[in-house]
């Protein structure tokens, strides 16, 4: 039996386990399981891997960046991004990868219009780093991350007061924060100024529960095109599974 799972905190809201269960059932695959594991910190990760016999796992907030020092090897993409959401367990150690970036590029790309040349990415965590790389892959070069700390959070960051003005030209907005998520703050929105949104805006919320989030409801009311994170979740899950079984389809790690 191959054993996989998701680590993070919180994880109870995640649809990953349901997605894999339905996928494997439809494929008549019976040799895999996927669990949800809430961790208060990464100190317990080695014990969890051993106790559960994990062959691989996904990583969600708040550990996409802090797990990096625990990994033996990083894929080129994960190293460039600086964040990991997918780990393969091998006899030689833990191999980290990032499937968030290609998954977002694959699912967001078809919705881009010629005027989506500038973007605001809300947040500064691991998800925001993957989002920035995905946008660059799609040809969007004018990108600012938005943080409550403003430029103190990074050279590519601005504060929320600056973001309100920037949104006039930056007609692509990606929420890479947990604000608005079930189990965190489902009645809140990370964007304080829905009045500046227009029909030319594309608003992508990486959150997929609740559906729709308050951010996407408000954006839709302003005529903006909206996209939640469910398709991205499914795509990154498929890419994660491919990574776990890379080069050793028929044997355990």
Protein backbone atom coordinates (compact mmCIF):
# COMPACT_ATOMS: atom_id res chain seq x y z
CA UNK A 1 0.00 0.00 0.00
CA UNK A 2 1.32 3.43 -0.97
CA UNK A 3 0.57 6.04 1.68
CA UNK A 4 0.35 9.77 1.03
CA UNK A 5 -1.09 12.75 2.86
CA UNK A 6 -1.28 16.47 3.49
CA UNK A 7 0.53 18.26 6.32
CA UNK A 8 -0.29 21.76 7.53
CA UNK A 9 -2.50 23.62 9.96
CA UNK A 10 -5.42 23.74 9.42
CA UNK A 11 -6.12 20.83 7.07
CA UNK A 12 -9.67 19.74 7.95
CA UNK A 13 -11.11 21.93 5.17
CA UNK A 14 -8.94 20.32 2.48
CA UNK A 15 -10.56 18.51 -0.45
CA UNK A 16 -7.31 16.71 -1.32
CA UNK A 17 -8.22 13.43 0.35
CA UNK A 18 -11.66 13.37 -1.30
CA UNK A 19 -10.17 14.19 -4.68
CA UNK A 20 -7.63 11.38 -4.54
CA UNK A 21 -10.18 8.89 -3.17
CA UNK A 22 -12.61 9.63 -6.01
CA UNK A 23 -9.86 9.60 -8.61
CA UNK A 24 -8.43 6.26 -7.49
CA UNK A 25 -11.89 4.73 -7.15
CA UNK A 26 -12.74 5.74 -10.73
CA UNK A 27 -9.47 4.17 -11.88
CA UNK A 28 -10.01 1.00 -9.81
CA UNK A 29 -6.75 1.74 -8.00
CA UNK A 30 -6.72 0.04 -4.58
CA UNK A 31 -3.09 0.30 -3.47
CA UNK A 32 -3.03 3.96 -2.33
CA UNK A 33 -4.35 5.99 0.59
CA UNK A 34 -4.28 9.69 1.44
CA UNK A 35 -4.68 11.23 4.89
CA UNK A 36 -4.90 14.68 6.43
CA UNK A 37 -2.38 15.44 9.16
CA UNK A 38 -2.59 18.65 11.20
CA UNK A 39 0.78 19.55 12.70
CA UNK A 40 1.43 22.23 15.31
CA UNK A 41 5.02 22.37 14.10
CA UNK A 42 7.47 20.50 11.91
CA UNK A 43 9.31 18.88 14.83
CA UNK A 44 6.82 16.04 14.66
CA UNK A 45 7.23 15.45 10.91
CA UNK A 46 9.90 12.69 11.06
CA UNK A 47 7.78 10.73 13.53
CA UNK A 48 4.67 11.18 11.40
CA UNK A 49 6.46 9.90 8.31
CA UNK A 50 7.69 6.85 10.19
CA UNK A 51 4.45 6.11 12.05
CA UNK A 52 2.24 6.48 8.96
CA UNK A 53 4.72 4.92 6.57
CA UNK A 54 4.36 7.87 4.21
CA UNK A 55 5.76 7.55 0.70
CA UNK A 56 5.04 11.19 -0.10
CA UNK A 57 2.99 14.14 1.06
CA UNK A 58 1.70 17.57 0.17
CA UNK A 59 2.45 20.65 2.23
CA UNK A 60 0.06 23.53 2.89
CA UNK A 61 0.22 26.63 5.07
CA UNK A 62 2.06 27.54 7.14
CA UNK A 63 4.92 25.18 6.20
CA UNK A 64 5.62 25.66 2.48
CA UNK A 65 8.73 27.70 3.20
CA UNK A 66 9.80 26.46 6.63
CA UNK A 67 9.99 22.84 5.46
CA UNK A 68 12.74 23.63 2.96
CA UNK A 69 15.69 23.23 5.40
CA UNK A 70 14.44 19.72 6.29
CA UNK A 71 14.70 18.50 2.70
CA UNK A 72 17.64 16.60 1.26
CA UNK A 73 17.02 17.64 -2.35
CA UNK A 74 14.95 20.26 -4.16
CA UNK A 75 13.71 20.23 -7.73
CA UNK A 76 14.94 23.14 -9.84
CA UNK A 77 11.50 24.75 -9.74
CA UNK A 78 11.16 24.46 -5.97
CA UNK A 79 14.64 25.92 -5.51
CA UNK A 80 13.84 28.87 -7.77
CA UNK A 81 10.53 29.53 -6.01
CA UNK A 82 11.81 29.01 -2.46
CA UNK A 83 8.73 27.07 -1.40
CA UNK A 84 7.61 23.44 -1.51
CA UNK A 85 4.14 21.90 -1.56
CA UNK A 86 5.04 18.35 -2.57
CA UNK A 87 7.57 15.95 -1.00
CA UNK A 88 8.69 12.49 -2.03
CA UNK A 89 10.08 10.20 0.69
CA UNK A 90 13.11 8.21 -0.45
CA UNK A 91 15.77 6.11 1.32
CA UNK A 92 18.18 8.98 0.71
CA UNK A 93 15.92 11.60 2.29
CA UNK A 94 13.10 13.98 1.44
CA UNK A 95 12.85 15.39 -2.08
CA UNK A 96 10.92 18.66 -2.40
CA UNK A 97 9.03 19.94 -5.41
CA UNK A 98 6.53 22.69 -6.21
CA UNK A 99 3.41 21.72 -8.18
CA UNK A 100 1.51 24.89 -7.22
CA UNK A 101 3.33 26.97 -9.82
CA UNK A 102 2.57 24.85 -12.92
CA UNK A 103 -0.95 24.12 -11.65
CA UNK A 104 -1.76 27.82 -11.34
CA UNK A 105 -0.22 28.57 -14.72
CA UNK A 106 -2.25 25.79 -16.34
CA UNK A 107 -5.57 26.86 -14.81
CA UNK A 108 -5.18 30.64 -14.86
CA UNK A 109 -3.65 30.92 -18.33
CA UNK A 110 -6.86 30.34 -20.35
CA UNK A 111 -8.56 33.25 -18.55
CA UNK A 112 -5.92 35.90 -19.30
CA UNK A 113 -6.75 38.73 -21.66
CA UNK A 114 -4.29 40.99 -23.52
CA UNK A 115 -4.78 43.77 -20.96
CA UNK A 116 -3.74 41.55 -18.03
CA UNK A 117 -0.14 42.73 -18.13
CA UNK A 118 0.21 43.76 -14.46
CA UNK A 119 -0.73 41.82 -11.36
CA UNK A 120 -1.10 42.16 -7.62
CA UNK A 121 -0.46 39.04 -5.53
CA UNK A 122 -1.94 39.32 -2.06
CA UNK A 123 0.34 37.75 0.55
CA UNK A 124 4.01 36.98 1.02
CA UNK A 125 4.04 33.29 1.99
CA UNK A 126 4.94 30.21 0.01
CA UNK A 127 1.77 30.34 -2.07
CA UNK A 128 2.54 33.89 -3.15
CA UNK A 129 6.02 32.89 -4.30
CA UNK A 130 4.56 30.12 -6.45
CA UNK A 131 1.96 32.54 -7.81
CA UNK A 132 4.62 35.05 -8.86
CA UNK A 133 6.55 32.36 -10.74
CA UNK A 134 3.36 31.13 -12.40
CA UNK A 135 2.50 34.64 -13.57
CA UNK A 136 5.97 35.12 -15.00
CA UNK A 137 5.61 31.80 -16.80
CA UNK A 138 2.43 33.22 -18.34
CA UNK A 139 4.25 36.34 -19.50
CA UNK A 140 3.07 38.73 -16.79
CA UNK A 141 6.19 40.63 -15.75
CA UNK A 142 4.79 43.61 -13.82
CA UNK A 143 3.99 41.93 -10.50
CA UNK A 144 3.82 43.29 -6.97
CA UNK A 145 3.15 41.28 -3.86
CA UNK A 146 0.93 43.05 -1.35
CA UNK A 147 1.75 42.93 2.36
CA UNK A 148 0.59 44.68 5.50
CA UNK A 149 4.31 45.37 6.08
CA UNK A 150 4.73 47.05 2.72
CA UNK A 151 8.26 47.20 1.30
CA UNK A 152 9.62 45.80 4.58
CA UNK A 153 8.26 42.41 3.47
CA UNK A 154 10.44 42.34 0.34
CA UNK A 155 11.78 44.34 -2.56
CA UNK A 156 8.82 43.30 -4.74
CA UNK A 157 6.21 44.20 -2.11
CA UNK A 158 3.93 47.17 -1.59
CA UNK A 159 1.46 48.04 1.14
CA UNK A 160 -2.30 47.79 0.86
CA UNK A 161 -2.73 51.56 0.58
CA UNK A 162 -0.46 51.56 -2.48
CA UNK A 163 -2.26 48.52 -3.84
CA UNK A 164 -5.57 50.38 -4.03
CA UNK A 165 -4.04 52.85 -6.48
CA UNK A 166 -2.05 50.17 -8.30
CA UNK A 167 -5.22 48.18 -8.98
CA UNK A 168 -6.22 50.72 -11.61
CA UNK A 169 -3.49 49.38 -13.90
CA UNK A 170 -2.99 45.97 -12.30
CA UNK A 171 -6.16 44.31 -13.57
CA UNK A 172 -5.08 40.84 -12.40
CA UNK A 173 -5.37 40.15 -8.66
CA UNK A 174 -4.41 36.84 -7.05
CA UNK A 175 -5.22 36.10 -3.42
CA UNK A 176 -2.47 33.92 -1.95
CA UNK A 177 -3.43 34.52 1.69
CA UNK A 178 -5.67 32.34 3.89
CA UNK A 179 -8.08 35.24 4.48
CA UNK A 180 -11.55 34.11 3.51
CA UNK A 181 -10.86 30.39 3.96
CA UNK A 182 -13.10 27.96 5.81
CA UNK A 183 -11.51 27.28 9.18
CA UNK A 184 -9.64 30.58 9.13
CA UNK A 185 -11.85 33.59 8.31
CA UNK A 186 -14.62 32.59 5.89
CA UNK A 187 -16.55 35.86 6.36
CA UNK A 188 -13.59 38.09 5.53
CA UNK A 189 -11.99 39.34 2.33
CA UNK A 190 -8.28 40.12 1.85
CA UNK A 191 -9.15 42.98 -0.54
CA UNK A 192 -10.60 46.02 1.27
CA UNK A 193 -11.69 47.97 -1.84
CA UNK A 194 -14.08 46.03 -4.09
CA UNK A 195 -15.28 49.38 -5.46
CA UNK A 196 -12.10 49.74 -7.56
CA UNK A 197 -12.72 46.46 -9.42
CA UNK A 198 -14.12 46.61 -12.95
CA UNK A 199 -15.14 44.36 -15.83
CA UNK A 200 -11.50 44.37 -16.97
CA UNK A 201 -10.29 42.78 -13.73
CA UNK A 202 -9.56 39.09 -13.33
CA UNK A 203 -9.62 38.07 -9.67
CA UNK A 204 -8.21 34.67 -8.75
CA UNK A 205 -8.59 33.32 -5.23
CA UNK A 206 -6.40 30.31 -4.47
CA UNK A 207 -8.94 29.41 -1.78
CA UNK A 208 -11.59 26.92 -2.87
CA UNK A 209 -13.67 26.61 0.28
CA UNK A 210 -16.10 28.23 0.74
CA UNK A 211 -17.21 28.52 -2.87
CA UNK A 212 -17.35 31.34 -3.70
CA UNK A 213 -15.31 33.30 -1.19
CA UNK A 214 -16.39 36.76 -0.13
CA UNK A 215 -13.61 38.19 -2.32
CA UNK A 216 -14.99 36.47 -5.41
CA UNK A 217 -18.59 37.37 -4.59
CA UNK A 218 -17.67 41.03 -4.31
CA UNK A 219 -15.55 40.90 -7.48
CA UNK A 220 -18.36 39.26 -9.42
CA UNK A 221 -20.78 41.95 -8.29
CA UNK A 222 -18.45 44.51 -9.85
CA UNK A 223 -18.41 42.61 -13.14
CA UNK A 224 -14.92 41.16 -12.78
CA UNK A 225 -14.03 37.72 -14.06
CA UNK A 226 -13.42 35.35 -11.14
CA UNK A 227 -11.61 32.08 -10.62
CA UNK A 228 -11.32 30.02 -7.45
CA UNK A 229 -8.62 27.51 -6.53
CA UNK A 230 -10.46 24.22 -7.03
CA UNK A 231 -9.19 23.51 -10.54
CA UNK A 232 -5.69 24.42 -9.36
CA UNK A 233 -6.04 22.02 -6.43
CA UNK A 234 -6.94 19.17 -8.77
CA UNK A 235 -4.14 19.98 -11.19
CA UNK A 236 -1.47 20.22 -8.49
CA UNK A 237 -2.72 16.95 -7.01
CA UNK A 238 -2.28 15.18 -10.36
CA UNK A 239 1.19 16.69 -10.74
CA UNK A 240 2.06 15.64 -7.17
CA UNK A 241 1.04 12.04 -7.85
CA UNK A 242 3.18 11.99 -10.99
CA UNK A 243 6.13 13.30 -8.94
CA UNK A 244 5.66 10.70 -6.20
CA UNK A 245 5.77 7.88 -8.73
CA UNK A 246 8.48 9.40 -10.90
CA UNK A 247 11.02 6.82 -12.14
CA UNK A 248 9.69 3.97 -9.97
CA UNK A 249 6.16 3.26 -11.09
CA UNK A 250 6.02 -0.34 -9.95
CA UNK A 251 7.97 -0.37 -6.70
CA UNK A 252 7.92 1.24 -3.31
CA UNK A 253 10.37 4.03 -2.54
